[in-house]
C-alpha atoms as a PDB file:
ATOM      1  CA  MET A   1       0.000   0.000   0.000  1.00  0.00           C
ATOM      2  CA  LYS A   2       2.979   2.248   0.299  1.00  0.00           C
ATOM      3  CA  GLY A   3       2.718   5.202  -2.064  1.00  0.00           C
ATOM      4  CA  LYS A   4      -0.835   4.282  -3.016  1.00  0.00           C
ATOM      5  CA  VAL A   5      -3.644   6.715  -2.193  1.00  0.00           C
ATOM      6  CA  ILE A   6      -6.907   4.991  -1.286  1.00  0.00           C
ATOM      7  CA  ASN A   7     -10.360   6.280  -0.610  1.00  0.00           C
ATOM      8  CA  LEU A   8     -11.157   4.637   2.743  1.00  0.00           C
ATOM      9  CA  LYS A   9     -14.901   5.232   2.660  1.00  0.00           C
ATOM     10  CA  GLN A  10     -15.219   3.723  -0.832  1.00  0.00           C
ATOM     11  CA  ASN A  11     -13.073   0.709   0.081  1.00  0.00           C
ATOM     12  CA  GLU A  12     -14.882   0.208   3.429  1.00  0.00           C
ATOM     13  CA  ALA A  13     -18.233   0.193   1.607  1.00  0.00           C
ATOM     14  CA  ARG A  14     -16.946  -2.269  -1.004  1.00  0.00           C
ATOM     15  CA  ALA A  15     -15.537  -4.551   1.731  1.00  0.00           C
ATOM     16  CA  ALA A  16     -18.843  -4.483   3.623  1.00  0.00           C
ATOM     17  CA  ILE A  17     -20.840  -5.373   0.492  1.00  0.00           C
ATOM     18  CA  GLU A  18     -18.456  -8.185  -0.369  1.00  0.00           C
ATOM     19  CA  GLY A  19     -18.526  -9.444   3.233  1.00  0.00           C
ATOM     20  CA  ARG A  20     -14.758  -9.413   3.672  1.00  0.00           C
ATOM     21  CA  ASN A  21     -12.407  -7.833   6.173  1.00  0.00           C
ATOM     22  CA  MET A  22     -10.458  -4.812   5.122  1.00  0.00           C
ATOM     23  CA  ARG A  23      -6.915  -4.172   6.313  1.00  0.00           C
ATOM     24  CA  ILE A  24      -5.913  -0.599   6.887  1.00  0.00           C
ATOM     25  CA  PRO A  25      -2.334   0.193   7.887  1.00  0.00           C
ATOM     26  CA  LEU A  26      -2.278   2.177  11.142  1.00  0.00           C
ATOM     27  CA  ASN A  27       0.487   4.106  12.789  1.00  0.00           C
ATOM     28  CA  LEU A  28      -0.146   3.102  16.402  1.00  0.00           C
ATOM     29  CA  GLN A  29       2.066   5.929  17.649  1.00  0.00           C
ATOM     30  CA  THR A  30      -0.691   8.291  16.521  1.00  0.00           C
ATOM     31  CA  PHE A  31      -3.009   6.712  19.095  1.00  0.00           C
ATOM     32  CA  ALA A  32      -0.445   6.205  21.857  1.00  0.00           C
ATOM     33  CA  GLY A  33      -0.411   9.876  22.791  1.00  0.00           C
ATOM     34  CA  GLU A  34       2.580  12.129  22.808  1.00  0.00           C
ATOM     35  CA  LYS A  35       4.728  12.824  25.807  1.00  0.00           C
ATOM     36  CA  ALA A  36       4.277  16.420  26.894  1.00  0.00           C
ATOM     37  CA  SER A  37       7.126  18.785  26.195  1.00  0.00           C
ATOM     38  CA  GLY A  38       7.601  22.532  26.122  1.00  0.00           C
ATOM     39  CA  VAL A  39       5.574  25.091  28.016  1.00  0.00           C
ATOM     40  CA  TYR A  40       2.075  24.404  29.292  1.00  0.00           C
ATOM     41  CA  PRO A  41      -0.767  26.278  30.989  1.00  0.00           C
ATOM     42  CA  CYS A  42      -0.991  25.892  34.773  1.00  0.00           C
ATOM     43  CA  TYR A  43      -4.513  24.462  34.578  1.00  0.00           C
ATOM     44  CA  GLU A  44      -3.039  21.212  33.275  1.00  0.00           C
ATOM     45  CA  ASN A  45      -1.918  20.531  36.860  1.00  0.00           C
ATOM     46  CA  GLN A  46      -4.686  18.660  38.647  1.00  0.00           C
ATOM     47  CA  PHE A  47      -5.313  17.726  42.271  1.00  0.00           C
ATOM     48  CA  GLN A  48      -7.109  14.714  43.686  1.00  0.00           C
ATOM     49  CA  ILE A  49      -8.113  13.879  47.256  1.00  0.00           C
ATOM     50  CA  ASP A  50      -9.207  10.616  48.840  1.00  0.00           C
ATOM     51  CA  THR A  51     -12.979  10.824  49.285  1.00  0.00           C
ATOM     52  CA  ALA A  52     -13.380   7.431  50.982  1.00  0.00           C
ATOM     53  CA  VAL A  53     -14.950   7.243  54.400  1.00  0.00           C
ATOM     54  CA  SER A  54     -12.349   6.573  57.101  1.00  0.00           C
ATOM     55  CA  GLY A  55     -11.149   2.991  56.770  1.00  0.00           C
ATOM     56  CA  GLY A  56     -12.859   2.503  53.383  1.00  0.00           C
ATOM     57  CA  THR A  57     -11.291   1.696  50.037  1.00  0.00           C
ATOM     58  CA  ALA A  58      -9.294   4.651  48.712  1.00  0.00           C
ATOM     59  CA  ALA A  59     -11.105   6.716  46.067  1.00  0.00           C
ATOM     60  CA  LEU A  60      -9.081   9.621  44.662  1.00  0.00           C
ATOM     61  CA  LYS A  61     -11.347  12.263  43.106  1.00  0.00           C
ATOM     62  CA  SER A  62     -10.471  15.544  41.414  1.00  0.00           C
ATOM     63  CA  ILE A  63     -11.268  18.757  43.263  1.00  0.00           C
ATOM     64  CA  ALA A  64     -13.551  20.967  41.154  1.00  0.00           C
ATOM     65  CA  ASP A  65     -13.086  24.693  40.638  1.00  0.00           C
ATOM     66  CA  CYS A  66      -9.474  25.078  41.798  1.00  0.00           C
ATOM     67  CA  GLU A  67      -8.237  28.452  40.560  1.00  0.00           C
ATOM     68  CA  THR A  68      -4.716  29.026  41.847  1.00  0.00           C
ATOM     69  CA  PHE A  69      -2.046  27.133  43.689  1.00  0.00           C
ATOM     70  CA  GLU A  70       1.383  27.846  45.107  1.00  0.00           C
ATOM     71  CA  VAL A  71       3.954  25.292  46.158  1.00  0.00           C
ATOM     72  CA  SER A  72       6.628  25.910  48.755  1.00  0.00           C
ATOM     73  CA  PHE A  73       9.414  23.571  49.756  1.00  0.00           C
ATOM     74  CA  ASP A  74      10.711  23.926  53.296  1.00  0.00           C
ATOM     75  CA  ASN A  75      14.201  22.489  53.283  1.00  0.00           C
ATOM     76  CA  GLY A  76      16.023  21.975  56.554  1.00  0.00           C
ATOM     77  CA  VAL A  77      19.678  22.814  56.000  1.00  0.00           C
ATOM     78  CA  GLU A  78      22.283  22.325  58.710  1.00  0.00           C
ATOM     79  CA  GLU A  79      25.365  24.542  58.595  1.00  0.00           C
ATOM     80  CA  TRP A  80      28.750  24.243  60.240  1.00  0.00           C
ATOM     81  CA  ASN A  81      32.129  25.942  59.977  1.00  0.00           C
ATOM     82  CA  PRO A  82      35.010  23.492  60.363  1.00  0.00           C
ATOM     83  CA  TYR A  83      38.597  24.677  60.692  1.00  0.00           C
ATOM     84  CA  ASP A  84      39.744  22.897  57.546  1.00  0.00           C
ATOM     85  CA  THR A  85      37.486  24.946  55.203  1.00  0.00           C
ATOM     86  CA  GLU A  86      39.298  28.193  56.069  1.00  0.00           C
ATOM     87  CA  GLY A  87      36.128  30.012  57.088  1.00  0.00           C
ATOM     88  CA  TRP A  88      33.879  28.646  54.352  1.00  0.00           C
ATOM     89  CA  THR A  89      30.557  27.251  55.555  1.00  0.00           C
ATOM     90  CA  ARG A  90      29.643  23.611  54.957  1.00  0.00           C
ATOM     91  CA  ARG A  91      25.980  22.643  54.515  1.00  0.00           C
ATOM     92  CA  LEU A  92      23.841  19.531  54.348  1.00  0.00           C
ATOM     93  CA  MET A  93      20.131  19.329  53.585  1.00  0.00           C
ATOM     94  CA  THR A  94      18.699  17.100  56.308  1.00  0.00           C
ATOM     95  CA  SER A  95      14.940  17.503  55.973  1.00  0.00           C
ATOM     96  CA  LYS A  96      12.257  18.508  53.518  1.00  0.00           C
ATOM     97  CA  SER A  97       8.544  19.265  53.479  1.00  0.00           C
ATOM     98  CA  VAL A  98       6.048  20.527  50.924  1.00  0.00           C
ATOM     99  CA  THR A  99       3.106  22.894  51.331  1.00  0.00           C
ATOM    100  CA  ILE A 100       0.587  23.412  48.533  1.00  0.00           C
ATOM    101  CA  SER A 101      -1.716  26.422  49.007  1.00  0.00           C
ATOM    102  CA  VAL A 102      -4.886  26.220  46.905  1.00  0.00           C
ATOM    103  CA  THR A 103      -7.668  28.708  46.219  1.00  0.00           C
ATOM    104  CA  ALA A 104     -10.875  27.352  44.758  1.00  0.00           C
ATOM    105  CA  LYS A 105     -14.577  28.047  44.649  1.00  0.00           C
ATOM    106  CA  ARG A 106     -16.845  26.079  46.974  1.00  0.00           C
ATOM    107  CA  ASN A 107     -18.693  23.596  44.754  1.00  0.00           C
ATOM    108  CA  VAL A 108     -21.320  21.758  46.803  1.00  0.00           C
ATOM    109  CA  GLY A 109     -21.949  18.296  45.399  1.00  0.00           C
ATOM    110  CA  ASP A 110     -18.496  17.749  43.897  1.00  0.00           C
ATOM    111  CA  ALA A 111     -16.946  14.789  45.733  1.00  0.00           C
ATOM    112  CA  GLY A 112     -13.422  16.260  45.887  1.00  0.00           C
ATOM    113  CA  ASN A 113     -14.555  19.755  46.837  1.00  0.00           C
ATOM    114  CA  ASP A 114     -16.919  18.349  49.494  1.00  0.00           C
ATOM    115  CA  ALA A 115     -14.136  16.157  50.949  1.00  0.00           C
ATOM    116  CA  VAL A 116     -11.937  19.213  51.510  1.00  0.00           C
ATOM    117  CA  ALA A 117     -14.735  21.407  52.910  1.00  0.00           C
ATOM    118  CA  ALA A 118     -15.838  18.666  55.331  1.00  0.00           C
ATOM    119  CA  LEU A 119     -12.505  18.983  57.163  1.00  0.00           C
ATOM    120  CA  VAL A 120     -13.053  22.595  58.255  1.00  0.00           C
ATOM    121  CA  TRP A 121     -14.390  21.684  61.737  1.00  0.00           C
ATOM    122  CA  LEU A 122     -12.146  18.678  62.371  1.00  0.00           C
ATOM    123  CA  ASN A 123      -8.859  18.355  64.207  1.00  0.00           C
ATOM    124  CA  GLY A 124      -5.988  15.951  64.759  1.00  0.00           C
ATOM    125  CA  ARG A 125      -5.691  12.802  62.628  1.00  0.00           C
ATOM    126  CA  LYS A 126      -9.184  13.432  61.244  1.00  0.00           C
ATOM    127  CA  VAL A 127      -7.788  16.064  58.840  1.00  0.00           C
ATOM    128  CA  GLU A 128      -5.302  13.642  57.264  1.00  0.00           C
ATOM    129  CA  LYS A 129      -6.194  12.570  53.720  1.00  0.00           C
ATOM    130  CA  ASP A 130      -4.311  11.045  50.833  1.00  0.00           C
ATOM    131  CA  PHE A 131      -3.719  13.787  48.284  1.00  0.00           C
ATOM    132  CA  GLN A 132      -2.321  13.565  44.768  1.00  0.00           C
ATOM    133  CA  TRP A 133      -0.836  16.158  42.434  1.00  0.00           C
ATOM    134  CA  THR A 134      -0.944  15.154  38.756  1.00  0.00           C
ATOM    135  CA  PHE A 135       1.447  17.008  36.459  1.00  0.00           C
ATOM    136  CA  PRO A 136       0.708  17.754  32.781  1.00  0.00           C
ATOM    137  CA  ASP A 137       3.103  15.011  31.636  1.00  0.00           C
ATOM    138  CA  GLY A 138       1.322  12.402  33.780  1.00  0.00           C
ATOM    139  CA  THR A 139       3.816  12.369  36.657  1.00  0.00           C
ATOM    140  CA  THR A 140       2.038  12.008  39.999  1.00  0.00           C
ATOM    141  CA  VAL A 141       3.103  12.993  43.495  1.00  0.00           C
ATOM    142  CA  LYS A 142       1.053  11.223  46.155  1.00  0.00           C
ATOM    143  CA  PHE A 143       1.079  12.586  49.679  1.00  0.00           C
ATOM    144  CA  ALA A 144      -0.052   9.812  52.036  1.00  0.00           C
ATOM    145  CA  SER A 145      -1.989  11.123  55.044  1.00  0.00           C
ATOM    146  CA  ALA A 146      -1.331  14.764  54.141  1.00  0.00           C
ATOM    147  CA  VAL A 147      -2.607  17.318  56.632  1.00  0.00           C
ATOM    148  CA  ILE A 148      -5.389  19.348  54.978  1.00  0.00           C
ATOM    149  CA  ASN A 149      -5.624  22.787  56.588  1.00  0.00           C
ATOM    150  CA  VAL A 150      -8.882  24.434  55.450  1.00  0.00           C
ATOM    151  CA  THR A 151      -8.538  28.206  55.861  1.00  0.00           C
ATOM    152  CA  ASN A 152     -11.771  29.416  54.214  1.00  0.00           C
ATOM    153  CA  ALA A 153     -14.887  27.432  53.401  1.00  0.00           C
ATOM    154  CA  GLY A 154     -17.427  29.877  52.033  1.00  0.00           C
ATOM    155  CA  THR A 155     -16.894  33.323  53.560  1.00  0.00           C
ATOM    156  CA  GLY A 156     -16.562  36.594  51.670  1.00  0.00           C
ATOM    157  CA  ASP A 157     -18.436  39.531  50.145  1.00  0.00           C
ATOM    158  CA  ALA A 158     -22.193  39.245  49.710  1.00  0.00           C
ATOM    159  CA  THR A 159     -21.929  39.171  45.914  1.00  0.00           C
ATOM    160  CA  ALA A 160     -18.791  37.026  45.693  1.00  0.00           C
ATOM    161  CA  ILE A 161     -18.768  33.333  44.850  1.00  0.00           C
ATOM    162  CA  ALA A 162     -18.047  31.326  47.986  1.00  0.00           C
ATOM    163  CA  PRO A 163     -14.367  30.411  48.185  1.00  0.00           C
ATOM    164  CA  LEU A 164     -12.697  27.215  49.329  1.00  0.00           C
ATOM    165  CA  GLU A 165      -9.115  27.838  50.407  1.00  0.00           C
ATOM    166  CA  PHE A 166      -6.815  25.241  51.893  1.00  0.00           C
ATOM    167  CA  GLU A 167      -3.250  24.114  52.394  1.00  0.00           C
ATOM    168  CA  VAL A 168      -1.942  20.621  51.837  1.00  0.00           C
ATOM    169  CA  LEU A 169       0.989  19.909  54.149  1.00  0.00           C
ATOM    170  CA  SER A 170       3.133  16.863  53.481  1.00  0.00           C
ATOM    171  CA  ASN A 171       3.183  14.340  56.308  1.00  0.00           C
ATOM    172  CA  GLY A 172       6.235  12.251  55.523  1.00  0.00           C
ATOM    173  CA  LYS A 173       7.915  11.517  52.212  1.00  0.00           C
ATOM    174  CA  PRO A 174       5.603  11.654  49.155  1.00  0.00           C
ATOM    175  CA  THR A 175       5.624   8.981  46.451  1.00  0.00           C
ATOM    176  CA  VAL A 176       6.687  10.347  43.066  1.00  0.00           C
ATOM    177  CA  THR A 177       5.626   8.238  40.068  1.00  0.00           C
ATOM    178  CA  PRO A 178       7.145   9.419  36.783  1.00  0.00           C
ATOM    179  CA  ALA A 179       4.920   9.506  33.699  1.00  0.00           C
ATOM    180  CA  ALA A 180       4.909   6.305  31.676  1.00  0.00           C
END
């Protein structure tokens, strides 16, 4: 078939009438999807939270109406000044944590949005939820038992849309799964 132009619709119709199978060469790479590269809009980042009832089977659901997010890494760095470095400081990073601050709109009825908002009145271990950040290229960062700190669940101006604002604080080392 190489170099030969065919009219697929005409050949498909002929094959159907004649009751035979038609072979069409396919480039499977076209259907495999392309790995993301280059710049991308921030909205391609997505967040999911475990909506399962405590002790139930995990069910990660997207959180609707997220508008902005900021990520900060708190790195614990120890410093010391040994004699053999002639006054130059030595350093070693000994700890790390991540905080994701999210602003969203309160969307009653969305499983992910409801799961976050439901934590506003809770304390202690009850505000720990599995949380996942999905990058545009498919890489995921899963924060097991992240502390969800809800800072606003519906307050504001009379004519404003009710906000949902929260922080996700890592609670131990996250699991990073590179895109396939």
